[in-house]
Amino acid sequence: MSGRLPMVLLYTTRVAARPLLTAYARSQGWKVNEDAFFDRPGRGRRFAMACSAAESPSIDAILTINQRILPAHTTNVYERTLQRLARHRAFLDFVPPTIAGLR
């Protein structure tokens, strides 16, 4: 990441959440990749695609609203996802609940 702004992918189950994700990413000084990954709740196919895309050296993170919208939120799958991203020097980040309007 030296010398460039981090590039993030957006993942959500609500298209309406894209402006919130984009605004948060930009407030952190991150660039937003043009590709956004949207799934219907409980699907997960597009999240898997986002994880694959994050293996690219030009992608630094996946940004989403919260862990509950991830397709398989069991501990083992979540930990494996984090490990997979870490192998490619990428991370998973969530919009803080107060900004997302969650409590």
N, C-alpha and C. Protein backbone atom coordinates (compact mmCIF):
# COMPACT_ATOMS: atom_id res chain seq x y z
N MET A 1 0.81 -1.19 0.00
CA MET A 1 0.00 0.00 0.00
C MET A 1 0.86 1.26 0.00
N SER A 2 2.14 1.14 -0.03
CA SER A 2 2.97 2.32 0.06
C SER A 2 2.75 3.24 -1.14
N GLY A 3 2.57 4.53 -0.84
CA GLY A 3 2.44 5.52 -1.88
C GLY A 3 1.10 5.61 -2.57
N ARG A 4 0.11 4.88 -2.10
CA ARG A 4 -1.22 4.96 -2.71
C ARG A 4 -2.29 4.82 -1.64
N LEU A 5 -3.46 5.33 -1.97
CA LEU A 5 -4.59 5.18 -1.05
C LEU A 5 -5.11 3.76 -1.09
N PRO A 6 -5.54 3.22 0.04
CA PRO A 6 -6.12 1.87 0.03
C PRO A 6 -7.37 1.83 -0.86
N MET A 7 -7.53 0.72 -1.60
CA MET A 7 -8.67 0.51 -2.47
C MET A 7 -9.59 -0.53 -1.82
N VAL A 8 -10.87 -0.18 -1.68
CA VAL A 8 -11.82 -1.09 -1.05
C VAL A 8 -12.93 -1.50 -2.01
N LEU A 9 -13.43 -2.71 -1.79
CA LEU A 9 -14.61 -3.22 -2.47
C LEU A 9 -15.78 -3.06 -1.52
N LEU A 10 -16.96 -2.83 -2.06
CA LEU A 10 -18.16 -2.73 -1.23
C LEU A 10 -18.97 -4.01 -1.35
N TYR A 11 -19.45 -4.50 -0.21
CA TYR A 11 -20.33 -5.67 -0.20
C TYR A 11 -21.54 -5.36 0.67
N THR A 12 -22.73 -5.62 0.14
CA THR A 12 -23.95 -5.40 0.92
C THR A 12 -25.09 -6.24 0.38
N THR A 13 -26.10 -6.37 1.18
CA THR A 13 -27.33 -7.04 0.74
C THR A 13 -28.42 -6.02 0.44
N ARG A 14 -28.08 -4.74 0.57
CA ARG A 14 -29.04 -3.67 0.27
C ARG A 14 -28.37 -2.64 -0.64
N VAL A 15 -28.86 -2.52 -1.84
CA VAL A 15 -28.31 -1.55 -2.79
C VAL A 15 -28.33 -0.14 -2.18
N ALA A 16 -29.35 0.14 -1.40
CA ALA A 16 -29.48 1.46 -0.78
C ALA A 16 -28.34 1.78 0.18
N ALA A 17 -27.58 0.78 0.60
CA ALA A 17 -26.47 1.00 1.53
C ALA A 17 -25.20 1.47 0.82
N ARG A 18 -25.18 1.41 -0.49
CA ARG A 18 -23.95 1.80 -1.20
C ARG A 18 -23.50 3.23 -0.89
N PRO A 19 -24.40 4.25 -0.88
CA PRO A 19 -23.93 5.61 -0.55
C PRO A 19 -23.30 5.70 0.84
N LEU A 20 -23.87 4.99 1.81
CA LEU A 20 -23.30 4.99 3.16
C LEU A 20 -21.91 4.36 3.16
N LEU A 21 -21.77 3.22 2.49
CA LEU A 21 -20.47 2.56 2.41
C LEU A 21 -19.44 3.44 1.71
N THR A 22 -19.86 4.04 0.61
CA THR A 22 -18.95 4.91 -0.15
C THR A 22 -18.52 6.11 0.68
N ALA A 23 -19.47 6.75 1.34
CA ALA A 23 -19.15 7.93 2.16
C ALA A 23 -18.20 7.55 3.30
N TYR A 24 -18.46 6.41 3.95
CA TYR A 24 -17.57 5.99 5.04
C TYR A 24 -16.16 5.72 4.51
N ALA A 25 -16.07 5.00 3.41
CA ALA A 25 -14.76 4.69 2.84
C ALA A 25 -13.99 5.97 2.53
N ARG A 26 -14.65 6.91 1.92
CA ARG A 26 -13.97 8.16 1.57
C ARG A 26 -13.60 8.96 2.81
N SER A 27 -14.42 8.88 3.86
CA SER A 27 -14.08 9.58 5.11
C SER A 27 -12.82 9.01 5.75
N GLN A 28 -12.51 7.75 5.42
CA GLN A 28 -11.31 7.11 5.94
C GLN A 28 -10.09 7.35 5.04
N GLY A 29 -10.33 8.02 3.90
CA GLY A 29 -9.24 8.27 2.97
C GLY A 29 -9.00 7.12 2.01
N TRP A 30 -9.99 6.25 1.84
CA TRP A 30 -9.87 5.10 0.95
C TRP A 30 -10.51 5.39 -0.39
N LYS A 31 -10.01 4.74 -1.42
CA LYS A 31 -10.63 4.79 -2.74
C LYS A 31 -11.64 3.63 -2.82
N VAL A 32 -12.72 3.85 -3.55
CA VAL A 32 -13.75 2.83 -3.70
C VAL A 32 -13.65 2.24 -5.11
N ASN A 33 -13.50 0.93 -5.17
CA ASN A 33 -13.47 0.23 -6.44
C ASN A 33 -14.83 0.36 -7.12
N GLU A 34 -14.84 0.47 -8.43
CA GLU A 34 -16.11 0.60 -9.15
C GLU A 34 -16.98 -0.63 -9.00
N ASP A 35 -16.38 -1.79 -8.81
CA ASP A 35 -17.16 -3.01 -8.64
C ASP A 35 -17.75 -3.04 -7.24
N ALA A 36 -19.04 -3.22 -7.16
CA ALA A 36 -19.70 -3.39 -5.86
C ALA A 36 -20.40 -4.74 -5.90
N PHE A 37 -20.40 -5.43 -4.80
CA PHE A 37 -20.95 -6.78 -4.75
C PHE A 37 -22.21 -6.78 -3.90
N PHE A 38 -23.34 -7.07 -4.56
CA PHE A 38 -24.64 -7.09 -3.90
C PHE A 38 -25.19 -8.50 -3.91
N ASP A 39 -25.71 -8.95 -2.80
CA ASP A 39 -26.35 -10.27 -2.67
C ASP A 39 -27.74 -10.09 -2.11
N ARG A 40 -28.56 -11.05 -2.36
CA ARG A 40 -29.81 -11.13 -1.61
C ARG A 40 -29.46 -11.73 -0.26
N PRO A 41 -30.16 -11.34 0.81
CA PRO A 41 -29.84 -11.88 2.13
C PRO A 41 -29.77 -13.41 2.12
N GLY A 42 -28.71 -13.92 2.76
CA GLY A 42 -28.54 -15.36 2.90
C GLY A 42 -27.90 -16.06 1.72
N ARG A 43 -27.62 -15.35 0.65
CA ARG A 43 -27.05 -15.99 -0.54
C ARG A 43 -25.56 -16.24 -0.39
N GLY A 44 -24.75 -15.23 -0.54
CA GLY A 44 -23.31 -15.36 -0.34
C GLY A 44 -22.47 -15.52 -1.59
N ARG A 45 -23.08 -15.75 -2.73
CA ARG A 45 -22.30 -15.94 -3.95
C ARG A 45 -21.45 -14.71 -4.27
N ARG A 46 -22.03 -13.55 -4.15
CA ARG A 46 -21.30 -12.32 -4.46
C ARG A 46 -20.23 -12.01 -3.40
N PHE A 47 -20.46 -12.43 -2.16
CA PHE A 47 -19.43 -12.25 -1.15
C PHE A 47 -18.21 -13.09 -1.49
N ALA A 48 -18.44 -14.32 -1.95
CA ALA A 48 -17.33 -15.17 -2.38
C ALA A 48 -16.58 -14.52 -3.54
N MET A 49 -17.32 -13.88 -4.45
CA MET A 49 -16.69 -13.18 -5.57
C MET A 49 -15.87 -11.98 -5.07
N ALA A 50 -16.38 -11.28 -4.06
CA ALA A 50 -15.64 -10.14 -3.49
C ALA A 50 -14.34 -10.64 -2.85
N CYS A 51 -14.41 -11.77 -2.15
CA CYS A 51 -13.20 -12.33 -1.53
C CYS A 51 -12.17 -12.70 -2.60
N SER A 52 -12.64 -13.28 -3.69
CA SER A 52 -11.73 -13.62 -4.79
C SER A 52 -11.12 -12.36 -5.39
N ALA A 53 -11.95 -11.34 -5.58
CA ALA A 53 -11.45 -10.08 -6.13
C ALA A 53 -10.41 -9.44 -5.20
N ALA A 54 -10.58 -9.64 -3.89
CA ALA A 54 -9.66 -9.07 -2.91
C ALA A 54 -8.29 -9.76 -2.93
N GLU A 55 -8.17 -10.84 -3.68
CA GLU A 55 -6.87 -11.49 -3.83
C GLU A 55 -5.97 -10.71 -4.79
N SER A 56 -6.55 -9.76 -5.50
CA SER A 56 -5.77 -8.91 -6.41
C SER A 56 -4.90 -7.97 -5.58
N PRO A 57 -3.66 -7.73 -6.03
CA PRO A 57 -2.80 -6.81 -5.28
C PRO A 57 -3.31 -5.37 -5.25
N SER A 58 -4.25 -5.04 -6.13
CA SER A 58 -4.75 -3.66 -6.15
C SER A 58 -5.91 -3.43 -5.18
N ILE A 59 -6.42 -4.50 -4.57
CA ILE A 59 -7.54 -4.39 -3.62
C ILE A 59 -7.00 -4.61 -2.21
N ASP A 60 -7.38 -3.73 -1.30
CA ASP A 60 -6.87 -3.80 0.07
C ASP A 60 -7.90 -4.26 1.09
N ALA A 61 -9.18 -4.13 0.75
CA ALA A 61 -10.20 -4.45 1.76
C ALA A 61 -11.56 -4.67 1.13
N ILE A 62 -12.41 -5.30 1.93
CA ILE A 62 -13.84 -5.40 1.65
C ILE A 62 -14.53 -4.64 2.76
N LEU A 63 -15.39 -3.73 2.39
CA LEU A 63 -16.13 -2.93 3.36
C LEU A 63 -17.60 -3.31 3.30
N THR A 64 -18.20 -3.53 4.46
CA THR A 64 -19.61 -3.88 4.53
C THR A 64 -20.23 -3.23 5.77
N ILE A 65 -21.53 -3.44 5.95
CA ILE A 65 -22.24 -2.79 7.06
C ILE A 65 -21.94 -3.47 8.40
N ASN A 66 -22.13 -4.77 8.47
CA ASN A 66 -21.86 -5.48 9.72
C ASN A 66 -21.71 -6.97 9.45
N GLN A 67 -21.26 -7.69 10.44
CA GLN A 67 -21.00 -9.12 10.29
C GLN A 67 -22.27 -9.92 10.04
N ARG A 68 -23.41 -9.43 10.52
CA ARG A 68 -24.66 -10.18 10.35
C ARG A 68 -25.07 -10.35 8.90
N ILE A 69 -24.66 -9.46 8.00
CA ILE A 69 -25.07 -9.63 6.61
C ILE A 69 -24.15 -10.55 5.82
N LEU A 70 -23.05 -10.96 6.42
CA LEU A 70 -22.18 -11.91 5.73
C LEU A 70 -22.93 -13.21 5.55
N PRO A 71 -22.71 -13.91 4.43
CA PRO A 71 -23.52 -15.08 4.11
C PRO A 71 -23.42 -16.22 5.11
N ALA A 72 -22.24 -16.50 5.59
CA ALA A 72 -22.08 -17.59 6.55
C ALA A 72 -21.37 -17.01 7.75
N HIS A 73 -22.12 -16.60 8.73
CA HIS A 73 -21.52 -15.88 9.86
C HIS A 73 -21.13 -16.79 11.01
N THR A 74 -20.97 -18.09 10.72
CA THR A 74 -20.47 -18.96 11.77
C THR A 74 -19.00 -18.64 12.01
N THR A 75 -18.54 -18.90 13.19
CA THR A 75 -17.18 -18.53 13.57
C THR A 75 -16.13 -19.13 12.64
N ASN A 76 -16.23 -20.39 12.32
CA ASN A 76 -15.20 -21.04 11.48
C ASN A 76 -15.12 -20.42 10.10
N VAL A 77 -16.26 -20.19 9.48
CA VAL A 77 -16.27 -19.60 8.14
C VAL A 77 -15.74 -18.17 8.21
N TYR A 78 -16.13 -17.43 9.20
CA TYR A 78 -15.67 -16.05 9.36
C TYR A 78 -14.15 -16.03 9.56
N GLU A 79 -13.64 -16.89 10.42
CA GLU A 79 -12.19 -16.94 10.65
C GLU A 79 -11.44 -17.34 9.38
N ARG A 80 -11.97 -18.30 8.64
CA ARG A 80 -11.32 -18.71 7.38
C ARG A 80 -11.32 -17.56 6.38
N THR A 81 -12.41 -16.80 6.34
CA THR A 81 -12.47 -15.64 5.44
C THR A 81 -11.39 -14.63 5.81
N LEU A 82 -11.26 -14.33 7.10
CA LEU A 82 -10.23 -13.38 7.55
C LEU A 82 -8.83 -13.89 7.22
N GLN A 83 -8.60 -15.17 7.40
CA GLN A 83 -7.29 -15.75 7.09
C GLN A 83 -7.01 -15.68 5.59
N ARG A 84 -8.03 -15.96 4.78
CA ARG A 84 -7.87 -15.89 3.32
C ARG A 84 -7.50 -14.47 2.90
N LEU A 85 -8.22 -13.50 3.42
CA LEU A 85 -7.93 -12.12 3.08
C LEU A 85 -6.53 -11.72 3.55
N ALA A 86 -6.16 -12.13 4.74
CA ALA A 86 -4.85 -11.79 5.30
C ALA A 86 -3.72 -12.35 4.46
N ARG A 87 -3.91 -13.53 3.89
CA ARG A 87 -2.88 -14.10 3.02
C ARG A 87 -2.58 -13.19 1.83
N HIS A 88 -3.55 -12.39 1.46
CA HIS A 88 -3.38 -11.48 0.33
C HIS A 88 -3.23 -10.03 0.79
N ARG A 89 -2.95 -9.88 2.08
CA ARG A 89 -2.75 -8.56 2.69
C ARG A 89 -3.98 -7.66 2.53
N ALA A 90 -5.14 -8.27 2.63
CA ALA A 90 -6.41 -7.54 2.57
C ALA A 90 -7.11 -7.71 3.91
N PHE A 91 -8.10 -6.87 4.16
CA PHE A 91 -8.84 -6.97 5.41
C PHE A 91 -10.33 -6.77 5.15
N LEU A 92 -11.10 -7.12 6.15
CA LEU A 92 -12.55 -6.95 6.13
C LEU A 92 -12.87 -5.88 7.16
N ASP A 93 -13.65 -4.88 6.75
CA ASP A 93 -13.98 -3.80 7.67
C ASP A 93 -15.48 -3.55 7.64
N PHE A 94 -15.96 -3.00 8.74
CA PHE A 94 -17.38 -2.71 8.92
C PHE A 94 -17.56 -1.24 9.23
N VAL A 95 -18.66 -0.67 8.72
CA VAL A 95 -19.01 0.70 9.07
C VAL A 95 -19.38 0.70 10.55
N PRO A 96 -18.85 1.62 11.35
CA PRO A 96 -19.20 1.65 12.77
C PRO A 96 -20.73 1.74 12.95
N PRO A 97 -21.27 1.01 13.92
CA PRO A 97 -22.72 0.98 14.13
C PRO A 97 -23.37 2.35 14.27
N THR A 98 -22.70 3.27 14.91
CA THR A 98 -23.30 4.60 15.08
C THR A 98 -23.45 5.32 13.75
N ILE A 99 -22.53 5.11 12.83
CA ILE A 99 -22.62 5.72 11.50
C ILE A 99 -23.64 4.99 10.65
N ALA A 100 -23.72 3.68 10.82
CA ALA A 100 -24.67 2.87 10.03
C ALA A 100 -26.10 3.00 10.53
N GLY A 101 -26.29 3.72 11.64
CA GLY A 101 -27.64 3.87 12.18
C GLY A 101 -28.09 2.66 12.97
N LEU A 102 -27.14 1.86 13.42
CA LEU A 102 -27.45 0.66 14.20
C LEU A 102 -27.09 0.90 15.65
N ARG A 103 -27.69 0.16 16.51
CA ARG A 103 -27.36 0.28 17.94
C ARG A 103 -26.88 -1.03 18.47
